[in-house]
Amino acid sequence: HSALLYTALLFGANAAFAGPVDWQAAKDAGLVK
């Protein structure tokens, strides 16, 4: 689950996959607050 979240965050941060910020992925990956 953690590996998938980090992968999603990395792809979401890649300019080729740019879009809105994935706030839920950030929270799920450790920025819970």
PDB file of all heavy atoms in Angstrom:
ATOM      1  N   HIS A   1       0.843  -1.204   0.000  1.00  0.00           N
ATOM      2  CA  HIS A   1       0.000   0.000   0.000  1.00  0.00           C
ATOM      3  C   HIS A   1       0.874   1.248   0.000  1.00  0.00           C
ATOM      4  O   HIS A   1       0.645   2.181  -0.765  1.00  0.00           O
ATOM      5  CB  HIS A   1      -0.906  -0.035   1.228  1.00  0.00           C
ATOM      6  CG  HIS A   1      -1.959   1.027   1.247  1.00  0.00           C
ATOM      7  ND1 HIS A   1      -1.653   2.360   1.304  1.00  0.00           N
ATOM      8  CD2 HIS A   1      -3.308   0.954   1.222  1.00  0.00           C
ATOM      9  CE1 HIS A   1      -2.762   3.061   1.312  1.00  0.00           C
ATOM     10  NE2 HIS A   1      -3.786   2.226   1.266  1.00  0.00           N
ATOM     11  N   SER A   2       1.918   1.269   0.860  1.00  0.00           N
ATOM     12  CA  SER A   2       2.819   2.427   0.919  1.00  0.00           C
ATOM     13  C   SER A   2       3.581   2.603  -0.381  1.00  0.00           C
ATOM     14  O   SER A   2       3.757   3.724  -0.858  1.00  0.00           O
ATOM     15  CB  SER A   2       3.822   2.267   2.068  1.00  0.00           C
ATOM     16  OG  SER A   2       3.142   2.343   3.294  1.00  0.00           O
ATOM     17  N   ALA A   3       4.045   1.512  -0.959  1.00  0.00           N
ATOM     18  CA  ALA A   3       4.776   1.596  -2.225  1.00  0.00           C
ATOM     19  C   ALA A   3       3.887   2.169  -3.319  1.00  0.00           C
ATOM     20  O   ALA A   3       4.327   2.995  -4.128  1.00  0.00           O
ATOM     21  CB  ALA A   3       5.303   0.223  -2.626  1.00  0.00           C
ATOM     22  N   LEU A   4       2.635   1.749  -3.347  1.00  0.00           N
ATOM     23  CA  LEU A   4       1.712   2.276  -4.352  1.00  0.00           C
ATOM     24  C   LEU A   4       1.458   3.766  -4.146  1.00  0.00           C
ATOM     25  O   LEU A   4       1.390   4.534  -5.115  1.00  0.00           O
ATOM     26  CB  LEU A   4       0.384   1.504  -4.320  1.00  0.00           C
ATOM     27  CG  LEU A   4       0.442   0.064  -4.820  1.00  0.00           C
ATOM     28  CD1 LEU A   4      -0.884  -0.638  -4.548  1.00  0.00           C
ATOM     29  CD2 LEU A   4       0.789   0.022  -6.292  1.00  0.00           C
ATOM     30  N   LEU A   5       1.331   4.187  -2.887  1.00  0.00           N
ATOM     31  CA  LEU A   5       1.103   5.608  -2.614  1.00  0.00           C
ATOM     32  C   LEU A   5       2.299   6.454  -3.028  1.00  0.00           C
ATOM     33  O   LEU A   5       2.143   7.505  -3.649  1.00  0.00           O
ATOM     34  CB  LEU A   5       0.795   5.823  -1.130  1.00  0.00           C
ATOM     35  CG  LEU A   5      -0.577   5.357  -0.690  1.00  0.00           C
ATOM     36  CD1 LEU A   5      -0.701   5.426   0.818  1.00  0.00           C
ATOM     37  CD2 LEU A   5      -1.650   6.186  -1.341  1.00  0.00           C
ATOM     38  N   TYR A   6       3.519   5.986  -2.697  1.00  0.00           N
ATOM     39  CA  TYR A   6       4.705   6.745  -3.100  1.00  0.00           C
ATOM     40  C   TYR A   6       4.829   6.804  -4.616  1.00  0.00           C
ATOM     41  O   TYR A   6       5.178   7.833  -5.177  1.00  0.00           O
ATOM     42  CB  TYR A   6       5.977   6.153  -2.495  1.00  0.00           C
ATOM     43  CG  TYR A   6       6.181   6.569  -1.063  1.00  0.00           C
ATOM     44  CD1 TYR A   6       6.096   5.658  -0.024  1.00  0.00           C
ATOM     45  CD2 TYR A   6       6.448   7.898  -0.751  1.00  0.00           C
ATOM     46  CE1 TYR A   6       6.269   6.052   1.284  1.00  0.00           C
ATOM     47  CE2 TYR A   6       6.615   8.297   0.561  1.00  0.00           C
ATOM     48  CZ  TYR A   6       6.529   7.374   1.568  1.00  0.00           C
ATOM     49  OH  TYR A   6       6.694   7.760   2.861  1.00  0.00           O
ATOM     50  N   THR A   7       4.513   5.707  -5.282  1.00  0.00           N
ATOM     51  CA  THR A   7       4.547   5.698  -6.747  1.00  0.00           C
ATOM     52  C   THR A   7       3.543   6.693  -7.300  1.00  0.00           C
ATOM     53  O   THR A   7       3.858   7.463  -8.207  1.00  0.00           O
ATOM     54  CB  THR A   7       4.245   4.280  -7.281  1.00  0.00           C
ATOM     55  OG1 THR A   7       5.227   3.386  -6.737  1.00  0.00           O
ATOM     56  CG2 THR A   7       4.300   4.245  -8.801  1.00  0.00           C
ATOM     57  N   ALA A   8       2.344   6.727  -6.732  1.00  0.00           N
ATOM     58  CA  ALA A   8       1.323   7.676  -7.188  1.00  0.00           C
ATOM     59  C   ALA A   8       1.784   9.114  -6.958  1.00  0.00           C
ATOM     60  O   ALA A   8       1.602   9.979  -7.810  1.00  0.00           O
ATOM     61  CB  ALA A   8      -0.005   7.426  -6.463  1.00  0.00           C
ATOM     62  N   LEU A   9       2.403   9.352  -5.817  1.00  0.00           N
ATOM     63  CA  LEU A   9       2.911  10.693  -5.545  1.00  0.00           C
ATOM     64  C   LEU A   9       4.009  11.078  -6.532  1.00  0.00           C
ATOM     65  O   LEU A   9       4.040  12.189  -7.036  1.00  0.00           O
ATOM     66  CB  LEU A   9       3.459  10.778  -4.118  1.00  0.00           C
ATOM     67  CG  LEU A   9       2.426  10.948  -3.024  1.00  0.00           C
ATOM     68  CD1 LEU A   9       3.067  10.735  -1.660  1.00  0.00           C
ATOM     69  CD2 LEU A   9       1.777  12.308  -3.095  1.00  0.00           C
ATOM     70  N   LEU A  10       4.911  10.145  -6.822  1.00  0.00           N
ATOM     71  CA  LEU A  10       5.992  10.449  -7.751  1.00  0.00           C
ATOM     72  C   LEU A  10       5.459  10.735  -9.151  1.00  0.00           C
ATOM     73  O   LEU A  10       5.869  11.682  -9.807  1.00  0.00           O
ATOM     74  CB  LEU A  10       6.995   9.295  -7.795  1.00  0.00           C
ATOM     75  CG  LEU A  10       7.861   9.152  -6.542  1.00  0.00           C
ATOM     76  CD1 LEU A  10       8.659   7.863  -6.597  1.00  0.00           C
ATOM     77  CD2 LEU A  10       8.772  10.340  -6.368  1.00  0.00           C
ATOM     78  N   PHE A  11       4.537   9.913  -9.619  1.00  0.00           N
ATOM     79  CA  PHE A  11       3.976  10.160 -10.950  1.00  0.00           C
ATOM     80  C   PHE A  11       3.155  11.438 -10.955  1.00  0.00           C
ATOM     81  O   PHE A  11       3.181  12.188 -11.918  1.00  0.00           O
ATOM     82  CB  PHE A  11       3.117   8.980 -11.426  1.00  0.00           C
ATOM     83  CG  PHE A  11       3.941   7.855 -11.967  1.00  0.00           C
ATOM     84  CD1 PHE A  11       3.826   6.588 -11.429  1.00  0.00           C
ATOM     85  CD2 PHE A  11       4.829   8.066 -13.006  1.00  0.00           C
ATOM     86  CE1 PHE A  11       4.584   5.547 -11.924  1.00  0.00           C
ATOM     87  CE2 PHE A  11       5.594   7.031 -13.498  1.00  0.00           C
ATOM     88  CZ  PHE A  11       5.477   5.762 -12.958  1.00  0.00           C
ATOM     89  N   GLY A  12       2.448  11.707  -9.864  1.00  0.00           N
ATOM     90  CA  GLY A  12       1.660  12.934  -9.779  1.00  0.00           C
ATOM     91  C   GLY A  12       2.540  14.167  -9.780  1.00  0.00           C
ATOM     92  O   GLY A  12       2.138  15.227 -10.205  1.00  0.00           O
ATOM     93  N   ALA A  13       3.784  14.005  -9.332  1.00  0.00           N
ATOM     94  CA  ALA A  13       4.706  15.133  -9.299  1.00  0.00           C
ATOM     95  C   ALA A  13       5.480  15.287 -10.601  1.00  0.00           C
ATOM     96  O   ALA A  13       6.151  16.273 -10.809  1.00  0.00           O
ATOM     97  CB  ALA A  13       5.690  14.946  -8.142  1.00  0.00           C
ATOM     98  N   ASN A  14       5.399  14.323 -11.480  1.00  0.00           N
ATOM     99  CA  ASN A  14       6.099  14.372 -12.758  1.00  0.00           C
ATOM    100  C   ASN A  14       5.378  15.333 -13.685  1.00  0.00           C
ATOM    101  O   ASN A  14       4.171  15.266 -13.857  1.00  0.00           O
ATOM    102  CB  ASN A  14       6.133  12.955 -13.342  1.00  0.00           C
ATOM    103  CG  ASN A  14       6.979  12.878 -14.585  1.00  0.00           C
ATOM    104  OD1 ASN A  14       6.924  13.748 -15.443  1.00  0.00           O
ATOM    105  ND2 ASN A  14       7.757  11.813 -14.676  1.00  0.00           N
ATOM    106  N   ALA A  15       6.113  16.220 -14.327  1.00  0.00           N
ATOM    107  CA  ALA A  15       5.501  17.225 -15.201  1.00  0.00           C
ATOM    108  C   ALA A  15       4.702  16.585 -16.325  1.00  0.00           C
ATOM    109  O   ALA A  15       3.708  17.147 -16.782  1.00  0.00           O
ATOM    110  CB  ALA A  15       6.581  18.143 -15.773  1.00  0.00           C
ATOM    111  N   ALA A  16       5.090  15.405 -16.759  1.00  0.00           N
ATOM    112  CA  ALA A  16       4.365  14.744 -17.842  1.00  0.00           C
ATOM    113  C   ALA A  16       2.975  14.318 -17.392  1.00  0.00           C
ATOM    114  O   ALA A  16       2.092  14.090 -18.211  1.00  0.00           O
ATOM    115  CB  ALA A  16       5.152  13.531 -18.328  1.00  0.00           C
ATOM    116  N   PHE A  17       2.791  14.189 -16.092  1.00  0.00           N
ATOM    117  CA  PHE A  17       1.503  13.776 -15.545  1.00  0.00           C
ATOM    118  C   PHE A  17       0.866  14.900 -14.730  1.00  0.00           C
ATOM    119  O   PHE A  17       0.073  14.658 -13.833  1.00  0.00           O
ATOM    120  CB  PHE A  17       1.680  12.547 -14.636  1.00  0.00           C
ATOM    121  CG  PHE A  17       2.235  11.358 -15.353  1.00  0.00           C
ATOM    122  CD1 PHE A  17       3.598  11.087 -15.323  1.00  0.00           C
ATOM    123  CD2 PHE A  17       1.415  10.529 -16.079  1.00  0.00           C
ATOM    124  CE1 PHE A  17       4.117   9.996 -15.975  1.00  0.00           C
ATOM    125  CE2 PHE A  17       1.937   9.435 -16.742  1.00  0.00           C
ATOM    126  CZ  PHE A  17       3.293   9.167 -16.693  1.00  0.00           C
ATOM    127  N   ALA A  18       1.243  16.129 -15.024  1.00  0.00           N
ATOM    128  CA  ALA A  18       0.810  17.264 -14.212  1.00  0.00           C
ATOM    129  C   ALA A  18      -0.701  17.381 -14.145  1.00  0.00           C
ATOM    130  O   ALA A  18      -1.410  17.111 -15.096  1.00  0.00           O
ATOM    131  CB  ALA A  18       1.401  18.563 -14.760  1.00  0.00           C
ATOM    132  N   GLY A  19      -1.172  17.790 -13.012  1.00  0.00           N
ATOM    133  CA  GLY A  19      -2.588  17.996 -12.781  1.00  0.00           C
ATOM    134  C   GLY A  19      -2.728  18.626 -11.415  1.00  0.00           C
ATOM    135  O   GLY A  19      -1.761  19.108 -10.842  1.00  0.00           O
ATOM    136  N   PRO A  20      -3.909  18.601 -10.864  1.00  0.00           N
ATOM    137  CA  PRO A  20      -4.082  19.172  -9.529  1.00  0.00           C
ATOM    138  C   PRO A  20      -3.326  18.353  -8.482  1.00  0.00           C
ATOM    139  O   PRO A  20      -2.990  17.202  -8.713  1.00  0.00           O
ATOM    140  CB  PRO A  20      -5.595  19.096  -9.315  1.00  0.00           C
ATOM    141  CG  PRO A  20      -6.086  18.079 -10.276  1.00  0.00           C
ATOM    142  CD  PRO A  20      -5.123  18.060 -11.423  1.00  0.00           C
ATOM    143  N   VAL A  21      -3.084  18.966  -7.351  1.00  0.00           N
ATOM    144  CA  VAL A  21      -2.381  18.285  -6.270  1.00  0.00           C
ATOM    145  C   VAL A  21      -3.253  17.155  -5.748  1.00  0.00           C
ATOM    146  O   VAL A  21      -4.449  17.332  -5.513  1.00  0.00           O
ATOM    147  CB  VAL A  21      -2.042  19.275  -5.140  1.00  0.00           C
ATOM    148  CG1 VAL A  21      -1.416  18.558  -3.956  1.00  0.00           C
ATOM    149  CG2 VAL A  21      -1.114  20.362  -5.655  1.00  0.00           C
ATOM    150  N   ASP A  22      -2.650  16.009  -5.539  1.00  0.00           N
ATOM    151  CA  ASP A  22      -3.351  14.859  -4.972  1.00  0.00           C
ATOM    152  C   ASP A  22      -3.200  14.916  -3.452  1.00  0.00           C
ATOM    153  O   ASP A  22      -2.309  14.300  -2.877  1.00  0.00           O
ATOM    154  CB  ASP A  22      -2.791  13.560  -5.542  1.00  0.00           C
ATOM    155  CG  ASP A  22      -3.613  12.354  -5.156  1.00  0.00           C
ATOM    156  OD1 ASP A  22      -4.449  12.455  -4.221  1.00  0.00           O
ATOM    157  OD2 ASP A  22      -3.440  11.300  -5.792  1.00  0.00           O
ATOM    158  N   TRP A  23      -4.052  15.708  -2.829  1.00  0.00           N
ATOM    159  CA  TRP A  23      -3.972  15.921  -1.381  1.00  0.00           C
ATOM    160  C   TRP A  23      -4.168  14.621  -0.611  1.00  0.00           C
ATOM    161  O   TRP A  23      -3.489  14.392   0.391  1.00  0.00           O
ATOM    162  CB  TRP A  23      -5.006  16.952  -0.934  1.00  0.00           C
ATOM    163  CG  TRP A  23      -4.851  18.285  -1.577  1.00  0.00           C
ATOM    164  CD1 TRP A  23      -5.705  18.870  -2.472  1.00  0.00           C
ATOM    165  CD2 TRP A  23      -3.787  19.222  -1.410  1.00  0.00           C
ATOM    166  NE1 TRP A  23      -5.231  20.104  -2.863  1.00  0.00           N
ATOM    167  CE2 TRP A  23      -4.059  20.349  -2.220  1.00  0.00           C
ATOM    168  CE3 TRP A  23      -2.623  19.214  -0.651  1.00  0.00           C
ATOM    169  CZ2 TRP A  23      -3.207  21.447  -2.291  1.00  0.00           C
ATOM    170  CZ3 TRP A  23      -1.776  20.315  -0.716  1.00  0.00           C
ATOM    171  CH2 TRP A  23      -2.075  21.410  -1.527  1.00  0.00           C
ATOM    172  N   GLN A  24      -5.086  13.783  -1.059  1.00  0.00           N
ATOM    173  CA  GLN A  24      -5.349  12.540  -0.344  1.00  0.00           C
ATOM    174  C   GLN A  24      -4.136  11.618  -0.373  1.00  0.00           C
ATOM    175  O   GLN A  24      -3.796  11.000   0.625  1.00  0.00           O
ATOM    176  CB  GLN A  24      -6.581  11.818  -0.904  1.00  0.00           C
ATOM    177  CG  GLN A  24      -7.043  10.660  -0.037  1.00  0.00           C
ATOM    178  CD  GLN A  24      -7.361  11.077   1.397  1.00  0.00           C
ATOM    179  OE1 GLN A  24      -8.120  12.009   1.614  1.00  0.00           O
ATOM    180  NE2 GLN A  24      -6.782  10.411   2.383  1.00  0.00           N
ATOM    181  N   ALA A  25      -3.464  11.535  -1.504  1.00  0.00           N
ATOM    182  CA  ALA A  25      -2.253  10.707  -1.582  1.00  0.00           C
ATOM    183  C   ALA A  25      -1.193  11.238  -0.629  1.00  0.00           C
ATOM    184  O   ALA A  25      -0.502  10.452   0.029  1.00  0.00           O
ATOM    185  CB  ALA A  25      -1.728  10.664  -3.011  1.00  0.00           C
ATOM    186  N   ALA A  26      -1.067  12.554  -0.530  1.00  0.00           N
ATOM    187  CA  ALA A  26      -0.095  13.151   0.390  1.00  0.00           C
ATOM    188  C   ALA A  26      -0.438  12.795   1.836  1.00  0.00           C
ATOM    189  O   ALA A  26       0.446  12.430   2.617  1.00  0.00           O
ATOM    190  CB  ALA A  26      -0.052  14.663   0.205  1.00  0.00           C
ATOM    191  N   LYS A  27      -1.710  12.873   2.182  1.00  0.00           N
ATOM    192  CA  LYS A  27      -2.136  12.522   3.541  1.00  0.00           C
ATOM    193  C   LYS A  27      -1.896  11.045   3.810  1.00  0.00           C
ATOM    194  O   LYS A  27      -1.366  10.668   4.856  1.00  0.00           O
ATOM    195  CB  LYS A  27      -3.611  12.866   3.740  1.00  0.00           C
ATOM    196  CG  LYS A  27      -3.863  14.364   3.823  1.00  0.00           C
ATOM    197  CD  LYS A  27      -5.320  14.672   3.968  1.00  0.00           C
ATOM    198  CE  LYS A  27      -5.634  14.599   5.435  1.00  0.00           C
ATOM    199  NZ  LYS A  27      -6.867  15.279   5.819  1.00  0.00           N
ATOM    200  N   ASP A  28      -2.264  10.207   2.850  1.00  0.00           N
ATOM    201  CA  ASP A  28      -2.095   8.764   3.012  1.00  0.00           C
ATOM    202  C   ASP A  28      -0.628   8.368   3.131  1.00  0.00           C
ATOM    203  O   ASP A  28      -0.296   7.381   3.783  1.00  0.00           O
ATOM    204  CB  ASP A  28      -2.739   8.007   1.847  1.00  0.00           C
ATOM    205  CG  ASP A  28      -4.256   8.116   1.834  1.00  0.00           C
ATOM    206  OD1 ASP A  28      -4.855   8.517   2.855  1.00  0.00           O
ATOM    207  OD2 ASP A  28      -4.848   7.810   0.776  1.00  0.00           O
ATOM    208  N   ALA A  29       0.250   9.139   2.492  1.00  0.00           N
ATOM    209  CA  ALA A  29       1.680   8.827   2.496  1.00  0.00           C
ATOM    210  C   ALA A  29       2.425   9.423   3.691  1.00  0.00           C
ATOM    211  O   ALA A  29       3.623   9.242   3.807  1.00  0.00           O
ATOM    212  CB  ALA A  29       2.312   9.314   1.193  1.00  0.00           C
ATOM    213  N   GLY A  30       1.741  10.149   4.562  1.00  0.00           N
ATOM    214  CA  GLY A  30       2.407  10.617   5.766  1.00  0.00           C
ATOM    215  C   GLY A  30       2.090  12.026   6.215  1.00  0.00           C
ATOM    216  O   GLY A  30       2.339  12.368   7.362  1.00  0.00           O
ATOM    217  N   LEU A  31       1.576  12.872   5.343  1.00  0.00           N
ATOM    218  CA  LEU A  31       1.223  14.240   5.753  1.00  0.00           C
ATOM    219  C   LEU A  31      -0.226  14.252   6.242  1.00  0.00           C
ATOM    220  O   LEU A  31      -1.085  14.936   5.693  1.00  0.00           O
ATOM    221  CB  LEU A  31       1.410  15.220   4.591  1.00  0.00           C
ATOM    222  CG  LEU A  31       2.842  15.523   4.200  1.00  0.00           C
ATOM    223  CD1 LEU A  31       2.893  16.398   2.960  1.00  0.00           C
ATOM    224  CD2 LEU A  31       3.604  16.178   5.342  1.00  0.00           C
ATOM    225  N   VAL A  32      -0.476  13.491   7.303  1.00  0.00           N
ATOM    226  CA  VAL A  32      -1.848  13.269   7.765  1.00  0.00           C
ATOM    227  C   VAL A  32      -2.539  14.534   8.265  1.00  0.00           C
ATOM    228  O   VAL A  32      -3.761  14.628   8.228  1.00  0.00           O
ATOM    229  CB  VAL A  32      -1.906  12.168   8.854  1.00  0.00           C
ATOM    230  CG1 VAL A  32      -1.491  10.827   8.286  1.00  0.00           C
ATOM    231  CG2 VAL A  32      -1.042  12.526  10.047  1.00  0.00           C
ATOM    232  N   LYS A  33      -1.757  15.523   8.714  1.00  0.00           N
ATOM    233  CA  LYS A  33      -2.353  16.752   9.244  1.00  0.00           C
ATOM    234  C   LYS A  33      -2.534  17.836   8.177  1.00  0.00           C
ATOM    235  O   LYS A  33      -3.007  18.920   8.480  1.00  0.00           O
ATOM    236  CB  LYS A  33      -1.513  17.288  10.394  1.00  0.00           C
ATOM    237  CG  LYS A  33      -1.445  16.322  11.593  1.00  0.00           C
ATOM    238  CD  LYS A  33      -0.676  16.904  12.746  1.00  0.00           C
ATOM    239  CE  LYS A  33       0.785  16.601  12.609  1.00  0.00           C
ATOM    240  NZ  LYS A  33       1.599  17.074  13.733  1.00  0.00           N
TER     241      LYS A  33
END
